[in-house]
Amino acid sequence: MIFGDSLSAAYGLATSQGWVSLLGERITVEKLDWRVVNASVSGETTAGGLRRLPVDLDRHRPSLVVIALGANDGLRGQPVAASRANLEEMIRIARAARAEPVLVGLMIPPNYGIEYAREFRELYPRLAKAARVPLVPFLLEGIADRRDLFQADQLHPSAAAQPRILENVWPALAPLLRRPGP
């Protein structure tokens, strides 16, 4: 289950163009026995995700949960400590539901200052290490600095960026998807 915001919900694109749909296609091509559920909601924050996660876990009963939230927290200047606490609790809730969590790292521009952007950037690798969860270092690696890979709003990646996003996520997911079942 992909549990994210507009970056994973294919905002402004046909659903089939988004990286989550491309992930489903890759799983099919590689003949892996997995089904992808996209439970991403545009505009979602870590606080909203924390409220919604138990319902989606109960509804979909996933074995893996890819947590790709926090961008909207950062764009709104939410306290990094609050985002971390929400992400920590989502990891705990996922594990309690017997779903293995994977954390997706995000970065934000320094709109709220260089120190805030640094704290936000460091949140994901520190939390992944402390919680012992796989980490996608940066969802938009190789994309964030390329304005040509964004839609007109300059916030949401274009269709051309989606395969690259999948390539950023795949190294963390592939070992989990390829391991033998129980």
N, C-alpha and C. Protein backbone atom coordinates (compact mmCIF):
# COMPACT_ATOMS: atom_id res chain seq x y z
N MET A 1 0.85 -1.17 0.00
CA MET A 1 0.00 0.00 0.00
C MET A 1 0.90 1.23 0.00
N ILE A 2 0.65 2.11 -0.96
CA ILE A 2 1.36 3.38 -1.01
C ILE A 2 0.50 4.39 -0.28
N PHE A 3 1.08 5.02 0.73
CA PHE A 3 0.35 5.92 1.61
C PHE A 3 1.03 7.28 1.57
N GLY A 4 0.59 8.12 0.63
CA GLY A 4 1.26 9.38 0.43
C GLY A 4 0.32 10.54 0.18
N ASP A 5 0.87 11.56 -0.46
CA ASP A 5 0.13 12.78 -0.76
C ASP A 5 0.05 12.95 -2.28
N SER A 6 -0.07 14.17 -2.76
CA SER A 6 -0.23 14.42 -4.19
C SER A 6 0.95 13.90 -5.01
N LEU A 7 2.13 13.82 -4.43
CA LEU A 7 3.29 13.31 -5.16
C LEU A 7 3.13 11.84 -5.53
N SER A 8 2.32 11.13 -4.76
CA SER A 8 2.05 9.72 -5.04
C SER A 8 0.66 9.49 -5.62
N ALA A 9 -0.20 10.50 -5.53
CA ALA A 9 -1.58 10.38 -6.03
C ALA A 9 -1.71 10.78 -7.49
N ALA A 10 -0.59 11.05 -8.16
CA ALA A 10 -0.58 11.44 -9.58
C ALA A 10 -1.37 12.73 -9.82
N TYR A 11 -1.21 13.68 -8.91
CA TYR A 11 -1.92 14.96 -9.03
C TYR A 11 -1.65 15.59 -10.40
N GLY A 12 -2.73 16.00 -11.06
CA GLY A 12 -2.62 16.67 -12.35
C GLY A 12 -2.33 15.76 -13.52
N LEU A 13 -2.29 14.46 -13.27
CA LEU A 13 -1.98 13.48 -14.31
C LEU A 13 -3.08 12.44 -14.37
N ALA A 14 -3.11 11.69 -15.45
CA ALA A 14 -3.96 10.50 -15.47
C ALA A 14 -3.36 9.52 -14.45
N THR A 15 -4.20 8.84 -13.71
CA THR A 15 -3.71 7.90 -12.69
C THR A 15 -2.70 6.93 -13.29
N SER A 16 -2.93 6.51 -14.51
CA SER A 16 -2.04 5.54 -15.16
C SER A 16 -0.64 6.09 -15.41
N GLN A 17 -0.47 7.41 -15.36
CA GLN A 17 0.84 8.02 -15.59
C GLN A 17 1.68 8.12 -14.33
N GLY A 18 1.07 7.98 -13.17
CA GLY A 18 1.78 8.17 -11.91
C GLY A 18 2.75 7.05 -11.58
N TRP A 19 3.70 7.36 -10.73
CA TRP A 19 4.73 6.37 -10.39
C TRP A 19 4.14 5.14 -9.70
N VAL A 20 3.05 5.30 -8.98
CA VAL A 20 2.45 4.15 -8.30
C VAL A 20 1.87 3.17 -9.32
N SER A 21 1.24 3.69 -10.35
CA SER A 21 0.73 2.84 -11.42
C SER A 21 1.90 2.16 -12.16
N LEU A 22 2.96 2.92 -12.38
CA LEU A 22 4.15 2.35 -13.03
C LEU A 22 4.77 1.25 -12.16
N LEU A 23 4.69 1.41 -10.84
CA LEU A 23 5.16 0.37 -9.93
C LEU A 23 4.35 -0.91 -10.13
N GLY A 24 3.05 -0.78 -10.23
CA GLY A 24 2.20 -1.94 -10.48
C GLY A 24 2.57 -2.64 -11.78
N GLU A 25 2.85 -1.84 -12.81
CA GLU A 25 3.26 -2.42 -14.10
C GLU A 25 4.58 -3.16 -13.97
N ARG A 26 5.52 -2.58 -13.24
CA ARG A 26 6.83 -3.22 -13.09
C ARG A 26 6.71 -4.53 -12.31
N ILE A 27 5.88 -4.54 -11.30
CA ILE A 27 5.65 -5.77 -10.53
C ILE A 27 5.08 -6.85 -11.44
N THR A 28 4.17 -6.49 -12.32
CA THR A 28 3.59 -7.44 -13.27
C THR A 28 4.66 -7.96 -14.23
N VAL A 29 5.45 -7.06 -14.80
CA VAL A 29 6.51 -7.44 -15.74
C VAL A 29 7.52 -8.38 -15.08
N GLU A 30 7.85 -8.10 -13.83
CA GLU A 30 8.83 -8.93 -13.12
C GLU A 30 8.20 -10.19 -12.51
N LYS A 31 6.90 -10.37 -12.76
CA LYS A 31 6.18 -11.56 -12.29
C LYS A 31 6.29 -11.74 -10.77
N LEU A 32 6.15 -10.64 -10.07
CA LEU A 32 6.16 -10.68 -8.61
C LEU A 32 4.72 -10.78 -8.13
N ASP A 33 4.51 -11.53 -7.09
CA ASP A 33 3.15 -11.81 -6.61
C ASP A 33 2.70 -10.75 -5.60
N TRP A 34 2.50 -9.54 -6.10
CA TRP A 34 2.07 -8.43 -5.26
C TRP A 34 1.00 -7.64 -5.99
N ARG A 35 0.13 -7.03 -5.21
CA ARG A 35 -0.88 -6.11 -5.74
C ARG A 35 -0.63 -4.76 -5.09
N VAL A 36 -0.68 -3.70 -5.89
CA VAL A 36 -0.43 -2.35 -5.39
C VAL A 36 -1.75 -1.64 -5.13
N VAL A 37 -1.86 -1.05 -3.95
CA VAL A 37 -3.01 -0.21 -3.60
C VAL A 37 -2.48 1.19 -3.37
N ASN A 38 -3.05 2.16 -4.07
CA ASN A 38 -2.64 3.54 -3.86
C ASN A 38 -3.64 4.22 -2.94
N ALA A 39 -3.24 4.41 -1.69
CA ALA A 39 -4.09 5.06 -0.69
C ALA A 39 -3.62 6.50 -0.45
N SER A 40 -3.04 7.11 -1.47
CA SER A 40 -2.53 8.47 -1.36
C SER A 40 -3.65 9.48 -1.56
N VAL A 41 -3.55 10.61 -0.85
CA VAL A 41 -4.55 11.67 -0.92
C VAL A 41 -3.84 13.00 -1.10
N SER A 42 -4.17 13.71 -2.16
CA SER A 42 -3.57 15.02 -2.40
C SER A 42 -3.82 15.94 -1.21
N GLY A 43 -2.80 16.69 -0.83
CA GLY A 43 -2.92 17.63 0.27
C GLY A 43 -2.71 17.03 1.64
N GLU A 44 -2.51 15.73 1.72
CA GLU A 44 -2.39 15.05 3.01
C GLU A 44 -1.15 15.50 3.78
N THR A 45 -1.31 15.66 5.07
CA THR A 45 -0.22 15.95 6.00
C THR A 45 0.05 14.69 6.83
N THR A 46 1.11 14.74 7.62
CA THR A 46 1.37 13.58 8.48
C THR A 46 0.27 13.44 9.53
N ALA A 47 -0.28 14.55 10.00
CA ALA A 47 -1.37 14.47 10.99
C ALA A 47 -2.61 13.83 10.37
N GLY A 48 -2.95 14.22 9.15
CA GLY A 48 -4.09 13.62 8.46
C GLY A 48 -3.84 12.15 8.16
N GLY A 49 -2.62 11.84 7.74
CA GLY A 49 -2.27 10.46 7.47
C GLY A 49 -2.36 9.59 8.71
N LEU A 50 -1.92 10.13 9.83
CA LEU A 50 -1.99 9.39 11.09
C LEU A 50 -3.44 9.05 11.44
N ARG A 51 -4.35 9.99 11.21
CA ARG A 51 -5.77 9.73 11.49
C ARG A 51 -6.34 8.70 10.52
N ARG A 52 -5.89 8.71 9.29
CA ARG A 52 -6.46 7.87 8.24
C ARG A 52 -5.85 6.47 8.17
N LEU A 53 -4.61 6.32 8.60
CA LEU A 53 -3.89 5.05 8.42
C LEU A 53 -4.61 3.83 8.99
N PRO A 54 -5.13 3.86 10.22
CA PRO A 54 -5.78 2.65 10.74
C PRO A 54 -6.94 2.17 9.86
N VAL A 55 -7.69 3.09 9.31
CA VAL A 55 -8.82 2.73 8.44
C VAL A 55 -8.32 2.06 7.17
N ASP A 56 -7.28 2.64 6.55
CA ASP A 56 -6.76 2.06 5.31
C ASP A 56 -6.07 0.72 5.57
N LEU A 57 -5.40 0.58 6.70
CA LEU A 57 -4.80 -0.72 7.04
C LEU A 57 -5.87 -1.78 7.21
N ASP A 58 -6.95 -1.42 7.87
CA ASP A 58 -8.05 -2.36 8.07
C ASP A 58 -8.73 -2.71 6.75
N ARG A 59 -8.91 -1.72 5.89
CA ARG A 59 -9.59 -1.92 4.61
C ARG A 59 -8.76 -2.77 3.65
N HIS A 60 -7.47 -2.49 3.55
CA HIS A 60 -6.64 -3.14 2.53
C HIS A 60 -5.77 -4.28 3.05
N ARG A 61 -5.50 -4.32 4.34
CA ARG A 61 -4.67 -5.35 4.97
C ARG A 61 -3.36 -5.61 4.21
N PRO A 62 -2.55 -4.56 4.03
CA PRO A 62 -1.32 -4.73 3.26
C PRO A 62 -0.22 -5.44 4.05
N SER A 63 0.71 -6.02 3.30
CA SER A 63 1.92 -6.60 3.91
C SER A 63 3.01 -5.55 4.03
N LEU A 64 2.98 -4.57 3.12
CA LEU A 64 3.94 -3.45 3.11
C LEU A 64 3.17 -2.15 3.09
N VAL A 65 3.70 -1.14 3.77
CA VAL A 65 3.14 0.21 3.70
C VAL A 65 4.28 1.17 3.40
N VAL A 66 4.20 1.81 2.25
CA VAL A 66 5.18 2.81 1.86
C VAL A 66 4.65 4.16 2.33
N ILE A 67 5.28 4.73 3.34
CA ILE A 67 4.83 5.99 3.93
C ILE A 67 5.59 7.13 3.27
N ALA A 68 4.87 7.89 2.45
CA ALA A 68 5.45 8.98 1.67
C ALA A 68 4.74 10.28 2.01
N LEU A 69 4.85 10.68 3.26
CA LEU A 69 4.16 11.88 3.74
C LEU A 69 5.14 12.85 4.39
N GLY A 70 4.74 14.11 4.43
CA GLY A 70 5.53 15.15 5.09
C GLY A 70 5.75 16.37 4.24
N ALA A 71 5.63 16.24 2.92
CA ALA A 71 5.86 17.40 2.04
C ALA A 71 4.93 18.55 2.39
N ASN A 72 3.66 18.25 2.62
CA ASN A 72 2.71 19.31 2.94
C ASN A 72 2.97 19.90 4.32
N ASP A 73 3.48 19.10 5.24
CA ASP A 73 3.89 19.63 6.54
C ASP A 73 4.97 20.69 6.33
N GLY A 74 5.98 20.32 5.54
CA GLY A 74 7.10 21.22 5.29
C GLY A 74 6.70 22.48 4.56
N LEU A 75 5.83 22.34 3.58
CA LEU A 75 5.38 23.52 2.83
C LEU A 75 4.54 24.46 3.68
N ARG A 76 3.97 23.92 4.76
CA ARG A 76 3.15 24.74 5.67
C ARG A 76 3.93 25.18 6.91
N GLY A 77 5.20 24.79 6.98
CA GLY A 77 6.02 25.19 8.11
C GLY A 77 5.66 24.54 9.43
N GLN A 78 5.09 23.34 9.37
CA GLN A 78 4.74 22.62 10.59
C GLN A 78 6.01 22.25 11.36
N PRO A 79 5.95 22.18 12.67
CA PRO A 79 7.14 21.80 13.43
C PRO A 79 7.66 20.41 13.01
N VAL A 80 8.95 20.34 12.77
CA VAL A 80 9.56 19.08 12.34
C VAL A 80 9.34 18.00 13.39
N ALA A 81 9.40 18.37 14.66
CA ALA A 81 9.19 17.38 15.73
C ALA A 81 7.79 16.77 15.66
N ALA A 82 6.80 17.56 15.29
CA ALA A 82 5.43 17.04 15.16
C ALA A 82 5.34 16.08 13.99
N SER A 83 5.97 16.43 12.87
CA SER A 83 5.97 15.54 11.71
C SER A 83 6.65 14.22 12.06
N ARG A 84 7.77 14.31 12.76
CA ARG A 84 8.49 13.09 13.16
C ARG A 84 7.62 12.23 14.07
N ALA A 85 6.97 12.84 15.04
CA ALA A 85 6.12 12.08 15.96
C ALA A 85 4.99 11.39 15.20
N ASN A 86 4.41 12.08 14.24
CA ASN A 86 3.33 11.48 13.44
C ASN A 86 3.86 10.31 12.61
N LEU A 87 5.02 10.48 11.99
CA LEU A 87 5.61 9.41 11.19
C LEU A 87 5.99 8.21 12.07
N GLU A 88 6.55 8.49 13.25
CA GLU A 88 6.89 7.40 14.19
C GLU A 88 5.65 6.60 14.56
N GLU A 89 4.57 7.30 14.82
CA GLU A 89 3.33 6.62 15.21
C GLU A 89 2.77 5.82 14.04
N MET A 90 2.89 6.35 12.81
CA MET A 90 2.43 5.59 11.64
C MET A 90 3.24 4.31 11.48
N ILE A 91 4.53 4.37 11.72
CA ILE A 91 5.37 3.18 11.65
C ILE A 91 4.92 2.17 12.70
N ARG A 92 4.66 2.64 13.91
CA ARG A 92 4.20 1.75 14.99
C ARG A 92 2.86 1.11 14.64
N ILE A 93 1.93 1.91 14.13
CA ILE A 93 0.60 1.40 13.76
C ILE A 93 0.70 0.39 12.63
N ALA A 94 1.54 0.67 11.64
CA ALA A 94 1.72 -0.27 10.53
C ALA A 94 2.24 -1.61 11.06
N ARG A 95 3.25 -1.55 11.90
CA ARG A 95 3.81 -2.79 12.46
C ARG A 95 2.78 -3.55 13.29
N ALA A 96 2.00 -2.82 14.05
CA ALA A 96 0.96 -3.47 14.87
C ALA A 96 -0.06 -4.18 13.99
N ALA A 97 -0.24 -3.68 12.76
CA ALA A 97 -1.17 -4.30 11.81
C ALA A 97 -0.46 -5.35 10.95
N ARG A 98 0.78 -5.68 11.33
CA ARG A 98 1.59 -6.67 10.61
C ARG A 98 1.90 -6.27 9.17
N ALA A 99 2.07 -4.97 8.98
CA ALA A 99 2.48 -4.43 7.68
C ALA A 99 3.88 -3.83 7.86
N GLU A 100 4.79 -4.22 6.99
CA GLU A 100 6.15 -3.71 7.09
C GLU A 100 6.20 -2.29 6.53
N PRO A 101 6.66 -1.32 7.33
CA PRO A 101 6.73 0.05 6.83
C PRO A 101 8.02 0.33 6.06
N VAL A 102 7.89 1.17 5.05
CA VAL A 102 9.01 1.71 4.29
C VAL A 102 8.82 3.22 4.32
N LEU A 103 9.87 3.96 4.64
CA LEU A 103 9.78 5.41 4.75
C LEU A 103 10.37 6.06 3.51
N VAL A 104 9.68 7.06 3.00
CA VAL A 104 10.14 7.80 1.82
C VAL A 104 10.58 9.19 2.25
N GLY A 105 11.84 9.49 1.99
CA GLY A 105 12.40 10.79 2.35
C GLY A 105 11.98 11.89 1.40
N LEU A 106 11.80 13.06 1.98
CA LEU A 106 11.41 14.25 1.23
C LEU A 106 12.29 15.41 1.65
N MET A 107 12.34 16.41 0.81
CA MET A 107 13.05 17.65 1.13
C MET A 107 12.15 18.80 0.70
N ILE A 108 12.43 19.96 1.28
CA ILE A 108 11.65 21.15 0.93
C ILE A 108 12.60 22.30 0.62
N PRO A 109 12.10 23.29 -0.12
CA PRO A 109 12.92 24.48 -0.35
C PRO A 109 13.07 25.27 0.95
N PRO A 110 14.06 26.16 1.03
CA PRO A 110 14.32 26.87 2.28
C PRO A 110 13.38 28.07 2.54
N ASN A 111 12.12 27.94 2.18
CA ASN A 111 11.16 29.03 2.39
C ASN A 111 11.08 29.45 3.85
N TYR A 112 11.23 28.51 4.77
CA TYR A 112 11.15 28.80 6.21
C TYR A 112 12.54 28.88 6.83
N GLY A 113 13.54 29.06 6.01
CA GLY A 113 14.91 29.18 6.48
C GLY A 113 15.73 27.93 6.24
N ILE A 114 17.02 28.13 6.17
CA ILE A 114 17.94 27.03 5.89
C ILE A 114 17.93 26.00 7.02
N GLU A 115 17.83 26.46 8.26
CA GLU A 115 17.84 25.55 9.40
C GLU A 115 16.62 24.62 9.39
N TYR A 116 15.44 25.19 9.10
CA TYR A 116 14.22 24.39 9.03
C TYR A 116 14.34 23.35 7.91
N ALA A 117 14.82 23.78 6.74
CA ALA A 117 14.98 22.85 5.61
C ALA A 117 15.97 21.74 5.96
N ARG A 118 17.04 22.07 6.69
CA ARG A 118 18.02 21.06 7.09
C ARG A 118 17.39 20.06 8.06
N GLU A 119 16.68 20.56 9.07
CA GLU A 119 16.02 19.68 10.04
C GLU A 119 15.03 18.75 9.34
N PHE A 120 14.30 19.31 8.40
CA PHE A 120 13.31 18.53 7.66
C PHE A 120 14.00 17.44 6.85
N ARG A 121 15.07 17.79 6.15
CA ARG A 121 15.82 16.85 5.32
C ARG A 121 16.39 15.71 6.17
N GLU A 122 16.88 16.04 7.37
CA GLU A 122 17.51 15.04 8.23
C GLU A 122 16.50 14.16 8.96
N LEU A 123 15.26 14.59 9.02
CA LEU A 123 14.21 13.85 9.71
C LEU A 123 14.12 12.41 9.20
N TYR A 124 14.07 12.23 7.90
CA TYR A 124 13.80 10.91 7.31
C TYR A 124 14.92 9.90 7.55
N PRO A 125 16.18 10.22 7.23
CA PRO A 125 17.22 9.21 7.49
C PRO A 125 17.39 8.91 8.98
N ARG A 126 17.22 9.92 9.82
CA ARG A 126 17.35 9.68 11.26
C ARG A 126 16.23 8.78 11.78
N LEU A 127 15.01 9.06 11.34
CA LEU A 127 13.88 8.24 11.78
C LEU A 127 14.00 6.82 11.24
N ALA A 128 14.38 6.68 9.97
CA ALA A 128 14.51 5.34 9.38
C ALA A 128 15.55 4.52 10.16
N LYS A 129 16.65 5.16 10.53
CA LYS A 129 17.69 4.45 11.29
C LYS A 129 17.17 4.07 12.68
N ALA A 130 16.55 5.03 13.36
CA ALA A 130 16.06 4.78 14.72
C ALA A 130 14.97 3.71 14.74
N ALA A 131 14.10 3.74 13.74
CA ALA A 131 12.98 2.80 13.69
C ALA A 131 13.33 1.51 12.96
N ARG A 132 14.51 1.47 12.37
CA ARG A 132 14.97 0.30 11.60
C ARG A 132 13.99 -0.06 10.49
N VAL A 133 13.73 0.94 9.64
CA VAL A 133 12.86 0.71 8.48
C VAL A 133 13.63 1.07 7.21
N PRO A 134 13.31 0.39 6.11
CA PRO A 134 13.93 0.76 4.84
C PRO A 134 13.59 2.20 4.49
N LEU A 135 14.53 2.87 3.81
CA LEU A 135 14.37 4.28 3.45
C LEU A 135 14.60 4.50 1.97
N VAL A 136 13.69 5.23 1.35
CA VAL A 136 13.94 5.82 0.04
C VAL A 136 14.55 7.18 0.38
N PRO A 137 15.82 7.42 0.08
CA PRO A 137 16.46 8.64 0.56
C PRO A 137 15.75 9.94 0.17
N PHE A 138 15.37 10.07 -1.10
CA PHE A 138 14.69 11.30 -1.54
C PHE A 138 13.82 10.96 -2.74
N LEU A 139 12.53 11.09 -2.57
CA LEU A 139 11.57 10.73 -3.62
C LEU A 139 11.86 11.44 -4.93
N LEU A 140 12.26 12.70 -4.86
CA LEU A 140 12.44 13.50 -6.07
C LEU A 140 13.90 13.68 -6.47
N GLU A 141 14.75 12.73 -6.09
CA GLU A 141 16.16 12.77 -6.49
C GLU A 141 16.25 12.83 -8.01
N GLY A 142 17.06 13.76 -8.52
CA GLY A 142 17.22 13.90 -9.96
C GLY A 142 16.07 14.62 -10.64
N ILE A 143 15.10 15.05 -9.86
CA ILE A 143 13.91 15.72 -10.40
C ILE A 143 13.76 17.12 -9.81
N ALA A 144 13.97 17.24 -8.50
CA ALA A 144 13.70 18.49 -7.77
C ALA A 144 14.40 19.70 -8.37
N ASP A 145 15.58 19.50 -8.94
CA ASP A 145 16.32 20.62 -9.50
C ASP A 145 16.11 20.78 -11.01
N ARG A 146 15.14 20.09 -11.55
CA ARG A 146 14.84 20.16 -12.99
C ARG A 146 13.43 20.70 -13.19
N ARG A 147 13.32 21.99 -13.39
CA ARG A 147 12.01 22.63 -13.55
C ARG A 147 11.24 22.05 -14.73
N ASP A 148 11.95 21.54 -15.73
CA ASP A 148 11.28 20.96 -16.90
C ASP A 148 10.56 19.66 -16.57
N LEU A 149 10.79 19.10 -15.40
CA LEU A 149 10.12 17.87 -14.99
C LEU A 149 8.95 18.12 -14.05
N PHE A 150 8.51 19.39 -14.00
CA PHE A 150 7.37 19.75 -13.16
C PHE A 150 6.23 20.28 -14.01
N GLN A 151 5.04 20.16 -13.45
CA GLN A 151 3.86 20.74 -14.09
C GLN A 151 3.95 22.26 -13.96
N ALA A 152 3.00 22.95 -14.55
CA ALA A 152 3.01 24.41 -14.58
C ALA A 152 3.05 25.02 -13.18
N ASP A 153 2.51 24.33 -12.17
CA ASP A 153 2.51 24.87 -10.80
C ASP A 153 3.89 24.82 -10.15
N GLN A 154 4.84 24.13 -10.78
CA GLN A 154 6.21 23.97 -10.28
C GLN A 154 6.29 23.29 -8.90
N LEU A 155 5.21 22.61 -8.52
CA LEU A 155 5.19 21.84 -7.27
C LEU A 155 5.06 20.35 -7.52
N HIS A 156 4.33 20.00 -8.56
CA HIS A 156 4.01 18.59 -8.82
C HIS A 156 4.76 18.08 -10.04
N PRO A 157 5.43 16.94 -9.91
CA PRO A 157 6.18 16.38 -11.03
C PRO A 157 5.27 16.04 -12.22
N SER A 158 5.83 16.21 -13.40
CA SER A 158 5.11 15.92 -14.64
C SER A 158 5.10 14.42 -14.92
N ALA A 159 4.38 14.05 -15.97
CA ALA A 159 4.36 12.65 -16.40
C ALA A 159 5.77 12.17 -16.74
N ALA A 160 6.57 13.05 -17.32
CA ALA A 160 7.94 12.68 -17.70
C ALA A 160 8.80 12.34 -16.48
N ALA A 161 8.45 12.86 -15.32
CA ALA A 161 9.23 12.61 -14.10
C ALA A 161 8.86 11.30 -13.41
N GLN A 162 7.70 10.76 -13.70
CA GLN A 162 7.20 9.60 -12.96
C GLN A 162 8.08 8.36 -13.06
N PRO A 163 8.62 8.01 -14.24
CA PRO A 163 9.52 6.85 -14.28
C PRO A 163 10.75 7.04 -13.39
N ARG A 164 11.25 8.26 -13.30
CA ARG A 164 12.41 8.54 -12.45
C ARG A 164 12.03 8.36 -10.97
N ILE A 165 10.83 8.82 -10.61
CA ILE A 165 10.38 8.63 -9.22
C ILE A 165 10.34 7.14 -8.89
N LEU A 166 9.80 6.35 -9.80
CA LEU A 166 9.79 4.90 -9.58
C LEU A 166 11.21 4.37 -9.40
N GLU A 167 12.14 4.84 -10.19
CA GLU A 167 13.53 4.38 -10.06
C GLU A 167 14.13 4.79 -8.72
N ASN A 168 13.66 5.89 -8.16
CA ASN A 168 14.12 6.30 -6.83
C ASN A 168 13.57 5.40 -5.73
N VAL A 169 12.35 4.92 -5.92
CA VAL A 169 11.68 4.09 -4.92
C VAL A 169 12.09 2.62 -5.03
N TRP A 170 12.31 2.15 -6.23
CA TRP A 170 12.53 0.73 -6.49
C TRP A 170 13.65 0.09 -5.66
N PRO A 171 14.82 0.71 -5.50
CA PRO A 171 15.88 0.04 -4.73
C PRO A 171 15.49 -0.31 -3.29
N ALA A 172 14.63 0.47 -2.67
CA ALA A 172 14.18 0.15 -1.31
C ALA A 172 13.10 -0.92 -1.32
N LEU A 173 12.27 -0.94 -2.37
CA LEU A 173 11.16 -1.89 -2.43
C LEU A 173 11.55 -3.25 -3.00
N ALA A 174 12.40 -3.27 -3.99
CA ALA A 174 12.71 -4.52 -4.70
C ALA A 174 13.10 -5.67 -3.78
N PRO A 175 14.02 -5.46 -2.81
CA PRO A 175 14.38 -6.59 -1.94
C PRO A 175 13.19 -7.13 -1.15
N LEU A 176 12.28 -6.25 -0.77
CA LEU A 176 11.11 -6.67 -0.01
C LEU A 176 10.12 -7.41 -0.89
N LEU A 177 9.98 -6.96 -2.13
CA LEU A 177 9.04 -7.58 -3.05
C LEU A 177 9.54 -8.92 -3.59
N ARG A 178 10.85 -9.09 -3.61
CA ARG A 178 11.43 -10.31 -4.19
C ARG A 178 11.69 -11.41 -3.17
N ARG A 179 11.59 -11.10 -1.91
CA ARG A 179 11.90 -12.15 -0.93
C ARG A 179 10.76 -13.17 -0.89
N PRO A 180 11.11 -14.40 -0.52
CA PRO A 180 10.09 -15.45 -0.47
C PRO A 180 9.02 -15.13 0.57
N GLY A 181 7.83 -15.57 0.29
CA GLY A 181 6.70 -15.37 1.22
C GLY A 181 6.83 -16.26 2.45
N PRO A 182 5.90 -16.08 3.38
CA PRO A 182 5.96 -16.85 4.64
C PRO A 182 5.72 -18.33 4.41
